[in-house]
PDB file of all heavy atoms in Angstrom:
ATOM      1  N   ASN A   1       0.811  -1.224   0.000  1.00  0.00           N
ATOM      2  CA  ASN A   1       0.000   0.000   0.000  1.00  0.00           C
ATOM      3  C   ASN A   1       0.836   1.262   0.000  1.00  0.00           C
ATOM      4  O   ASN A   1       0.370   2.324   0.365  1.00  0.00           O
ATOM      5  CB  ASN A   1      -0.927   0.011   1.225  1.00  0.00           C
ATOM      6  CG  ASN A   1      -1.889  -1.164   1.183  1.00  0.00           C
ATOM      7  OD1 ASN A   1      -2.429  -1.482   0.139  1.00  0.00           O
ATOM      8  ND2 ASN A   1      -2.078  -1.811   2.327  1.00  0.00           N
ATOM      9  N   GLU A   2       2.136   1.152  -0.377  1.00  0.00           N
ATOM     10  CA  GLU A   2       2.976   2.340  -0.392  1.00  0.00           C
ATOM     11  C   GLU A   2       2.457   3.331  -1.441  1.00  0.00           C
ATOM     12  O   GLU A   2       2.041   2.957  -2.531  1.00  0.00           O
ATOM     13  CB  GLU A   2       4.425   1.957  -0.709  1.00  0.00           C
ATOM     14  CG  GLU A   2       5.086   1.197   0.430  1.00  0.00           C
ATOM     15  CD  GLU A   2       6.498   0.801   0.089  1.00  0.00           C
ATOM     16  OE1 GLU A   2       6.871   0.944  -1.096  1.00  0.00           O
ATOM     17  OE2 GLU A   2       7.219   0.331   0.982  1.00  0.00           O
ATOM     18  N   VAL A   3       2.481   4.649  -1.115  1.00  0.00           N
ATOM     19  CA  VAL A   3       1.986   5.689  -2.014  1.00  0.00           C
ATOM     20  C   VAL A   3       3.091   6.683  -2.274  1.00  0.00           C
ATOM     21  O   VAL A   3       3.840   7.043  -1.367  1.00  0.00           O
ATOM     22  CB  VAL A   3       0.759   6.420  -1.401  1.00  0.00           C
ATOM     23  CG1 VAL A   3       0.243   7.477  -2.358  1.00  0.00           C
ATOM     24  CG2 VAL A   3      -0.339   5.414  -1.093  1.00  0.00           C
ATOM     25  N   ASP A   4       3.215   7.127  -3.483  1.00  0.00           N
ATOM     26  CA  ASP A   4       4.215   8.116  -3.861  1.00  0.00           C
ATOM     27  C   ASP A   4       3.937   9.429  -3.135  1.00  0.00           C
ATOM     28  O   ASP A   4       2.857   9.998  -3.263  1.00  0.00           O
ATOM     29  CB  ASP A   4       4.162   8.327  -5.376  1.00  0.00           C
ATOM     30  CG  ASP A   4       5.335   9.149  -5.868  1.00  0.00           C
ATOM     31  OD1 ASP A   4       5.948   9.843  -5.042  1.00  0.00           O
ATOM     32  OD2 ASP A   4       5.621   9.091  -7.077  1.00  0.00           O
ATOM     33  N   PRO A   5       4.919   9.944  -2.354  1.00  0.00           N
ATOM     34  CA  PRO A   5       4.712  11.210  -1.639  1.00  0.00           C
ATOM     35  C   PRO A   5       4.344  12.348  -2.572  1.00  0.00           C
ATOM     36  O   PRO A   5       3.602  13.254  -2.187  1.00  0.00           O
ATOM     37  CB  PRO A   5       6.081  11.449  -0.976  1.00  0.00           C
ATOM     38  CG  PRO A   5       6.690  10.098  -0.866  1.00  0.00           C
ATOM     39  CD  PRO A   5       6.218   9.368  -2.062  1.00  0.00           C
ATOM     40  N   ALA A   6       4.845  12.316  -3.804  1.00  0.00           N
ATOM     41  CA  ALA A   6       4.527  13.399  -4.754  1.00  0.00           C
ATOM     42  C   ALA A   6       3.045  13.427  -5.065  1.00  0.00           C
ATOM     43  O   ALA A   6       2.441  14.501  -5.251  1.00  0.00           O
ATOM     44  CB  ALA A   6       5.327  13.205  -6.040  1.00  0.00           C
ATOM     45  N   VAL A   7       2.415  12.248  -5.119  1.00  0.00           N
ATOM     46  CA  VAL A   7       0.976  12.174  -5.377  1.00  0.00           C
ATOM     47  C   VAL A   7       0.201  12.789  -4.222  1.00  0.00           C
ATOM     48  O   VAL A   7      -0.765  13.528  -4.417  1.00  0.00           O
ATOM     49  CB  VAL A   7       0.549  10.713  -5.601  1.00  0.00           C
ATOM     50  CG1 VAL A   7      -0.959  10.610  -5.778  1.00  0.00           C
ATOM     51  CG2 VAL A   7       1.267  10.146  -6.825  1.00  0.00           C
ATOM     52  N   LEU A   8       0.620  12.483  -2.983  1.00  0.00           N
ATOM     53  CA  LEU A   8      -0.043  13.048  -1.810  1.00  0.00           C
ATOM     54  C   LEU A   8       0.052  14.566  -1.798  1.00  0.00           C
ATOM     55  O   LEU A   8      -0.904  15.271  -1.479  1.00  0.00           O
ATOM     56  CB  LEU A   8       0.583  12.475  -0.535  1.00  0.00           C
ATOM     57  CG  LEU A   8       0.322  10.987  -0.262  1.00  0.00           C
ATOM     58  CD1 LEU A   8       1.063  10.575   0.997  1.00  0.00           C
ATOM     59  CD2 LEU A   8      -1.162  10.719  -0.100  1.00  0.00           C
ATOM     60  N   LEU A   9       1.232  15.094  -2.150  1.00  0.00           N
ATOM     61  CA  LEU A   9       1.437  16.541  -2.149  1.00  0.00           C
ATOM     62  C   LEU A   9       0.549  17.202  -3.192  1.00  0.00           C
ATOM     63  O   LEU A   9      -0.056  18.255  -2.958  1.00  0.00           O
ATOM     64  CB  LEU A   9       2.911  16.847  -2.433  1.00  0.00           C
ATOM     65  CG  LEU A   9       3.298  18.324  -2.449  1.00  0.00           C
ATOM     66  CD1 LEU A   9       3.023  18.940  -1.081  1.00  0.00           C
ATOM     67  CD2 LEU A   9       4.770  18.487  -2.806  1.00  0.00           C
ATOM     68  N   LYS A  10       0.455  16.545  -4.365  1.00  0.00           N
ATOM     69  CA  LYS A  10      -0.381  17.086  -5.433  1.00  0.00           C
ATOM     70  C   LYS A  10      -1.838  17.146  -5.005  1.00  0.00           C
ATOM     71  O   LYS A  10      -2.552  18.133  -5.235  1.00  0.00           O
ATOM     72  CB  LYS A  10      -0.229  16.222  -6.683  1.00  0.00           C
ATOM     73  CG  LYS A  10      -1.011  16.725  -7.898  1.00  0.00           C
ATOM     74  CD  LYS A  10      -0.737  15.819  -9.083  1.00  0.00           C
ATOM     75  CE  LYS A  10      -1.540  16.317 -10.302  1.00  0.00           C
ATOM     76  NZ  LYS A  10      -1.299  15.439 -11.480  1.00  0.00           N
ATOM     77  N   ASP A  11      -2.305  16.066  -4.343  1.00  0.00           N
ATOM     78  CA  ASP A  11      -3.697  16.034  -3.870  1.00  0.00           C
ATOM     79  C   ASP A  11      -3.936  17.098  -2.812  1.00  0.00           C
ATOM     80  O   ASP A  11      -4.999  17.720  -2.765  1.00  0.00           O
ATOM     81  CB  ASP A  11      -4.020  14.648  -3.294  1.00  0.00           C
ATOM     82  CG  ASP A  11      -4.110  13.605  -4.402  1.00  0.00           C
ATOM     83  OD1 ASP A  11      -4.219  14.006  -5.576  1.00  0.00           O
ATOM     84  OD2 ASP A  11      -4.049  12.402  -4.078  1.00  0.00           O
ATOM     85  N   ALA A  12      -2.949  17.321  -1.944  1.00  0.00           N
ATOM     86  CA  ALA A  12      -3.107  18.318  -0.882  1.00  0.00           C
ATOM     87  C   ALA A  12      -3.269  19.712  -1.463  1.00  0.00           C
ATOM     88  O   ALA A  12      -4.098  20.501  -1.019  1.00  0.00           O
ATOM     89  CB  ALA A  12      -1.901  18.270   0.050  1.00  0.00           C
ATOM     90  N   LYS A  13      -2.443  20.012  -2.479  1.00  0.00           N
ATOM     91  CA  LYS A  13      -2.527  21.332  -3.110  1.00  0.00           C
ATOM     92  C   LYS A  13      -3.855  21.511  -3.828  1.00  0.00           C
ATOM     93  O   LYS A  13      -4.449  22.584  -3.843  1.00  0.00           O
ATOM     94  CB  LYS A  13      -1.375  21.498  -4.095  1.00  0.00           C
ATOM     95  CG  LYS A  13      -0.022  21.665  -3.420  1.00  0.00           C
ATOM     96  CD  LYS A  13       1.063  21.827  -4.452  1.00  0.00           C
ATOM     97  CE  LYS A  13       2.411  22.044  -3.758  1.00  0.00           C
ATOM     98  NZ  LYS A  13       3.499  22.183  -4.755  1.00  0.00           N
ATOM     99  N   LYS A  14      -4.309  20.437  -4.437  1.00  0.00           N
ATOM    100  CA  LYS A  14      -5.567  20.491  -5.184  1.00  0.00           C
ATOM    101  C   LYS A  14      -6.744  20.804  -4.276  1.00  0.00           C
ATOM    102  O   LYS A  14      -7.670  21.533  -4.631  1.00  0.00           O
ATOM    103  CB  LYS A  14      -5.775  19.157  -5.897  1.00  0.00           C
ATOM    104  CG  LYS A  14      -7.051  19.077  -6.734  1.00  0.00           C
ATOM    105  CD  LYS A  14      -7.136  17.721  -7.407  1.00  0.00           C
ATOM    106  CE  LYS A  14      -8.441  17.619  -8.212  1.00  0.00           C
ATOM    107  NZ  LYS A  14      -8.563  16.306  -8.857  1.00  0.00           N
ATOM    108  N   ASN A  15      -6.737  20.275  -3.077  1.00  0.00           N
ATOM    109  CA  ASN A  15      -7.861  20.431  -2.149  1.00  0.00           C
ATOM    110  C   ASN A  15      -7.688  21.608  -1.202  1.00  0.00           C
ATOM    111  O   ASN A  15      -8.567  21.874  -0.393  1.00  0.00           O
ATOM    112  CB  ASN A  15      -8.050  19.153  -1.331  1.00  0.00           C
ATOM    113  CG  ASN A  15      -8.436  17.977  -2.228  1.00  0.00           C
ATOM    114  OD1 ASN A  15      -9.169  18.151  -3.195  1.00  0.00           O
ATOM    115  ND2 ASN A  15      -7.934  16.797  -1.907  1.00  0.00           N
ATOM    116  N   ALA A  16      -6.555  22.264  -1.289  1.00  0.00           N
ATOM    117  CA  ALA A  16      -6.288  23.353  -0.347  1.00  0.00           C
ATOM    118  C   ALA A  16      -7.344  24.443  -0.346  1.00  0.00           C
ATOM    119  O   ALA A  16      -7.736  24.936   0.704  1.00  0.00           O
ATOM    120  CB  ALA A  16      -4.910  23.954  -0.633  1.00  0.00           C
ATOM    121  N   PRO A  17      -7.851  24.892  -1.529  1.00  0.00           N
ATOM    122  CA  PRO A  17      -8.854  25.985  -1.512  1.00  0.00           C
ATOM    123  C   PRO A  17     -10.118  25.632  -0.766  1.00  0.00           C
ATOM    124  O   PRO A  17     -10.867  26.509  -0.370  1.00  0.00           O
ATOM    125  CB  PRO A  17      -9.143  26.183  -3.006  1.00  0.00           C
ATOM    126  CG  PRO A  17      -7.925  25.673  -3.698  1.00  0.00           C
ATOM    127  CD  PRO A  17      -7.469  24.529  -2.884  1.00  0.00           C
ATOM    128  N   LEU A  18     -10.399  24.368  -0.578  1.00  0.00           N
ATOM    129  CA  LEU A  18     -11.619  23.968   0.106  1.00  0.00           C
ATOM    130  C   LEU A  18     -11.530  24.158   1.600  1.00  0.00           C
ATOM    131  O   LEU A  18     -12.536  24.098   2.295  1.00  0.00           O
ATOM    132  CB  LEU A  18     -11.920  22.499  -0.200  1.00  0.00           C
ATOM    133  CG  LEU A  18     -12.125  22.173  -1.705  1.00  0.00           C
ATOM    134  CD1 LEU A  18     -12.351  20.671  -1.875  1.00  0.00           C
ATOM    135  CD2 LEU A  18     -13.310  22.982  -2.268  1.00  0.00           C
ATOM    136  N   VAL A  19     -10.321  24.379   2.127  1.00  0.00           N
ATOM    137  CA  VAL A  19     -10.147  24.515   3.564  1.00  0.00           C
ATOM    138  C   VAL A  19     -10.367  25.957   3.966  1.00  0.00           C
ATOM    139  O   VAL A  19      -9.743  26.876   3.429  1.00  0.00           O
ATOM    140  CB  VAL A  19      -8.727  24.085   3.970  1.00  0.00           C
ATOM    141  CG1 VAL A  19      -8.557  24.246   5.472  1.00  0.00           C
ATOM    142  CG2 VAL A  19      -8.487  22.643   3.549  1.00  0.00           C
ATOM    143  N   LYS A  20     -11.277  26.169   4.910  1.00  0.00           N
ATOM    144  CA  LYS A  20     -11.560  27.500   5.403  1.00  0.00           C
ATOM    145  C   LYS A  20     -10.587  27.864   6.495  1.00  0.00           C
ATOM    146  O   LYS A  20     -10.335  27.081   7.386  1.00  0.00           O
ATOM    147  CB  LYS A  20     -12.990  27.573   5.955  1.00  0.00           C
ATOM    148  CG  LYS A  20     -14.046  27.376   4.888  1.00  0.00           C
ATOM    149  CD  LYS A  20     -15.426  27.521   5.490  1.00  0.00           C
ATOM    150  CE  LYS A  20     -16.519  27.350   4.425  1.00  0.00           C
ATOM    151  NZ  LYS A  20     -17.875  27.496   4.967  1.00  0.00           N
ATOM    152  N   LYS A  21      -9.978  29.026   6.367  1.00  0.00           N
ATOM    153  CA  LYS A  21      -8.989  29.466   7.338  1.00  0.00           C
ATOM    154  C   LYS A  21      -9.666  30.321   8.387  1.00  0.00           C
ATOM    155  O   LYS A  21     -10.154  31.400   8.104  1.00  0.00           O
ATOM    156  CB  LYS A  21      -7.892  30.283   6.635  1.00  0.00           C
ATOM    157  CG  LYS A  21      -7.113  29.456   5.610  1.00  0.00           C
ATOM    158  CD  LYS A  21      -6.037  30.291   4.961  1.00  0.00           C
ATOM    159  CE  LYS A  21      -5.268  29.487   3.930  1.00  0.00           C
ATOM    160  NZ  LYS A  21      -4.216  30.276   3.272  1.00  0.00           N
ATOM    161  N   HIS A  22      -9.709  29.820   9.587  1.00  0.00           N
ATOM    162  CA  HIS A  22     -10.285  30.541  10.718  1.00  0.00           C
ATOM    163  C   HIS A  22      -9.168  30.965  11.637  1.00  0.00           C
ATOM    164  O   HIS A  22      -8.199  30.249  11.829  1.00  0.00           O
ATOM    165  CB  HIS A  22     -11.289  29.652  11.482  1.00  0.00           C
ATOM    166  CG  HIS A  22     -12.454  29.251  10.607  1.00  0.00           C
ATOM    167  ND1 HIS A  22     -13.443  30.112  10.244  1.00  0.00           N
ATOM    168  CD2 HIS A  22     -12.758  28.049  10.037  1.00  0.00           C
ATOM    169  CE1 HIS A  22     -14.343  29.493   9.472  1.00  0.00           C
ATOM    170  NE2 HIS A  22     -13.925  28.229   9.340  1.00  0.00           N
ATOM    171  N   LYS A  23      -9.290  32.107  12.209  1.00  0.00           N
ATOM    172  CA  LYS A  23      -8.265  32.628  13.102  1.00  0.00           C
ATOM    173  C   LYS A  23      -8.015  31.727  14.287  1.00  0.00           C
ATOM    174  O   LYS A  23      -6.916  31.620  14.778  1.00  0.00           O
ATOM    175  CB  LYS A  23      -8.665  34.032  13.591  1.00  0.00           C
ATOM    176  CG  LYS A  23      -8.592  35.076  12.502  1.00  0.00           C
ATOM    177  CD  LYS A  23      -8.909  36.450  13.075  1.00  0.00           C
ATOM    178  CE  LYS A  23      -8.825  37.530  12.002  1.00  0.00           C
ATOM    179  NZ  LYS A  23      -9.110  38.886  12.554  1.00  0.00           N
ATOM    180  N   LYS A  24      -9.056  31.021  14.749  1.00  0.00           N
ATOM    181  CA  LYS A  24      -8.887  30.207  15.953  1.00  0.00           C
ATOM    182  C   LYS A  24      -7.959  29.016  15.707  1.00  0.00           C
ATOM    183  O   LYS A  24      -7.402  28.458  16.636  1.00  0.00           O
ATOM    184  CB  LYS A  24     -10.235  29.709  16.472  1.00  0.00           C
ATOM    185  CG  LYS A  24     -10.972  28.774  15.504  1.00  0.00           C
ATOM    186  CD  LYS A  24     -12.294  28.343  16.117  1.00  0.00           C
ATOM    187  CE  LYS A  24     -13.065  27.395  15.187  1.00  0.00           C
ATOM    188  NZ  LYS A  24     -14.336  26.977  15.801  1.00  0.00           N
ATOM    189  N   HIS A  25      -7.808  28.664  14.400  1.00  0.00           N
ATOM    190  CA  HIS A  25      -6.909  27.546  14.112  1.00  0.00           C
ATOM    191  C   HIS A  25      -5.462  27.910  14.353  1.00  0.00           C
ATOM    192  O   HIS A  25      -4.623  27.048  14.515  1.00  0.00           O
ATOM    193  CB  HIS A  25      -7.088  27.112  12.654  1.00  0.00           C
ATOM    194  CG  HIS A  25      -8.412  26.440  12.405  1.00  0.00           C
ATOM    195  ND1 HIS A  25      -8.913  26.247  11.131  1.00  0.00           N
ATOM    196  CD2 HIS A  25      -9.333  25.915  13.263  1.00  0.00           C
ATOM    197  CE1 HIS A  25     -10.089  25.638  11.201  1.00  0.00           C
ATOM    198  NE2 HIS A  25     -10.367  25.436  12.497  1.00  0.00           N
ATOM    199  N   ARG A  26      -5.150  29.232  14.341  1.00  0.00           N
ATOM    200  CA  ARG A  26      -3.763  29.630  14.491  1.00  0.00           C
ATOM    201  C   ARG A  26      -3.218  29.407  15.896  1.00  0.00           C
ATOM    202  O   ARG A  26      -2.025  29.510  16.123  1.00  0.00           O
ATOM    203  CB  ARG A  26      -3.622  31.119  14.135  1.00  0.00           C
ATOM    204  CG  ARG A  26      -3.935  31.393  12.672  1.00  0.00           C
ATOM    205  CD  ARG A  26      -3.862  32.864  12.390  1.00  0.00           C
ATOM    206  NE  ARG A  26      -4.224  33.145  11.001  1.00  0.00           N
ATOM    207  CZ  ARG A  26      -4.340  34.360  10.494  1.00  0.00           C
ATOM    208  NH1 ARG A  26      -4.133  35.419  11.272  1.00  0.00           N
ATOM    209  NH2 ARG A  26      -4.659  34.529   9.228  1.00  0.00           N
ATOM    210  N   ILE A  27      -4.074  29.114  16.870  1.00  0.00           N
ATOM    211  CA  ILE A  27      -3.612  28.902  18.247  1.00  0.00           C
ATOM    212  C   ILE A  27      -3.001  27.524  18.459  1.00  0.00           C
ATOM    213  O   ILE A  27      -2.218  27.303  19.374  1.00  0.00           O
ATOM    214  CB  ILE A  27      -4.794  29.116  19.234  1.00  0.00           C
ATOM    215  CG1 ILE A  27      -4.243  29.324  20.648  1.00  0.00           C
ATOM    216  CG2 ILE A  27      -5.760  27.927  19.182  1.00  0.00           C
ATOM    217  CD1 ILE A  27      -5.315  29.734  21.635  1.00  0.00           C
ATOM    218  N   TRP A  28      -3.355  26.575  17.560  1.00  0.00           N
ATOM    219  CA  TRP A  28      -2.882  25.185  17.754  1.00  0.00           C
ATOM    220  C   TRP A  28      -1.367  25.042  17.716  1.00  0.00           C
ATOM    221  O   TRP A  28      -0.794  24.296  18.512  1.00  0.00           O
ATOM    222  CB  TRP A  28      -3.532  24.266  16.707  1.00  0.00           C
ATOM    223  CG  TRP A  28      -4.955  23.950  17.079  1.00  0.00           C
ATOM    224  CD1 TRP A  28      -6.077  24.416  16.488  1.00  0.00           C
ATOM    225  CD2 TRP A  28      -5.376  23.119  18.155  1.00  0.00           C
ATOM    226  NE1 TRP A  28      -7.200  23.937  17.106  1.00  0.00           N
ATOM    227  CE2 TRP A  28      -6.791  23.111  18.154  1.00  0.00           C
ATOM    228  CE3 TRP A  28      -4.711  22.364  19.134  1.00  0.00           C
ATOM    229  CZ2 TRP A  28      -7.537  22.394  19.066  1.00  0.00           C
ATOM    230  CZ3 TRP A  28      -5.465  21.654  20.034  1.00  0.00           C
ATOM    231  CH2 TRP A  28      -6.859  21.671  20.004  1.00  0.00           C
ATOM    232  N   PRO A  29      -0.656  25.727  16.818  1.00  0.00           N
ATOM    233  CA  PRO A  29       0.807  25.609  16.862  1.00  0.00           C
ATOM    234  C   PRO A  29       1.408  25.996  18.197  1.00  0.00           C
ATOM    235  O   PRO A  29       2.385  25.394  18.647  1.00  0.00           O
ATOM    236  CB  PRO A  29       1.273  26.537  15.732  1.00  0.00           C
ATOM    237  CG  PRO A  29       0.116  26.563  14.783  1.00  0.00           C
ATOM    238  CD  PRO A  29      -1.104  26.526  15.656  1.00  0.00           C
TER     239      PRO A  29
END
C-alpha cells in the first residue's frame, strides 16, 4: 500500500482551496 509522496502533495494542493482558514486555528501551533 505504499503511495508516492509526490501524489499526496499534489492532492493536498488540489484540495487546499476547500479549507476555510479561521483565526482560531492559528492557536494550535
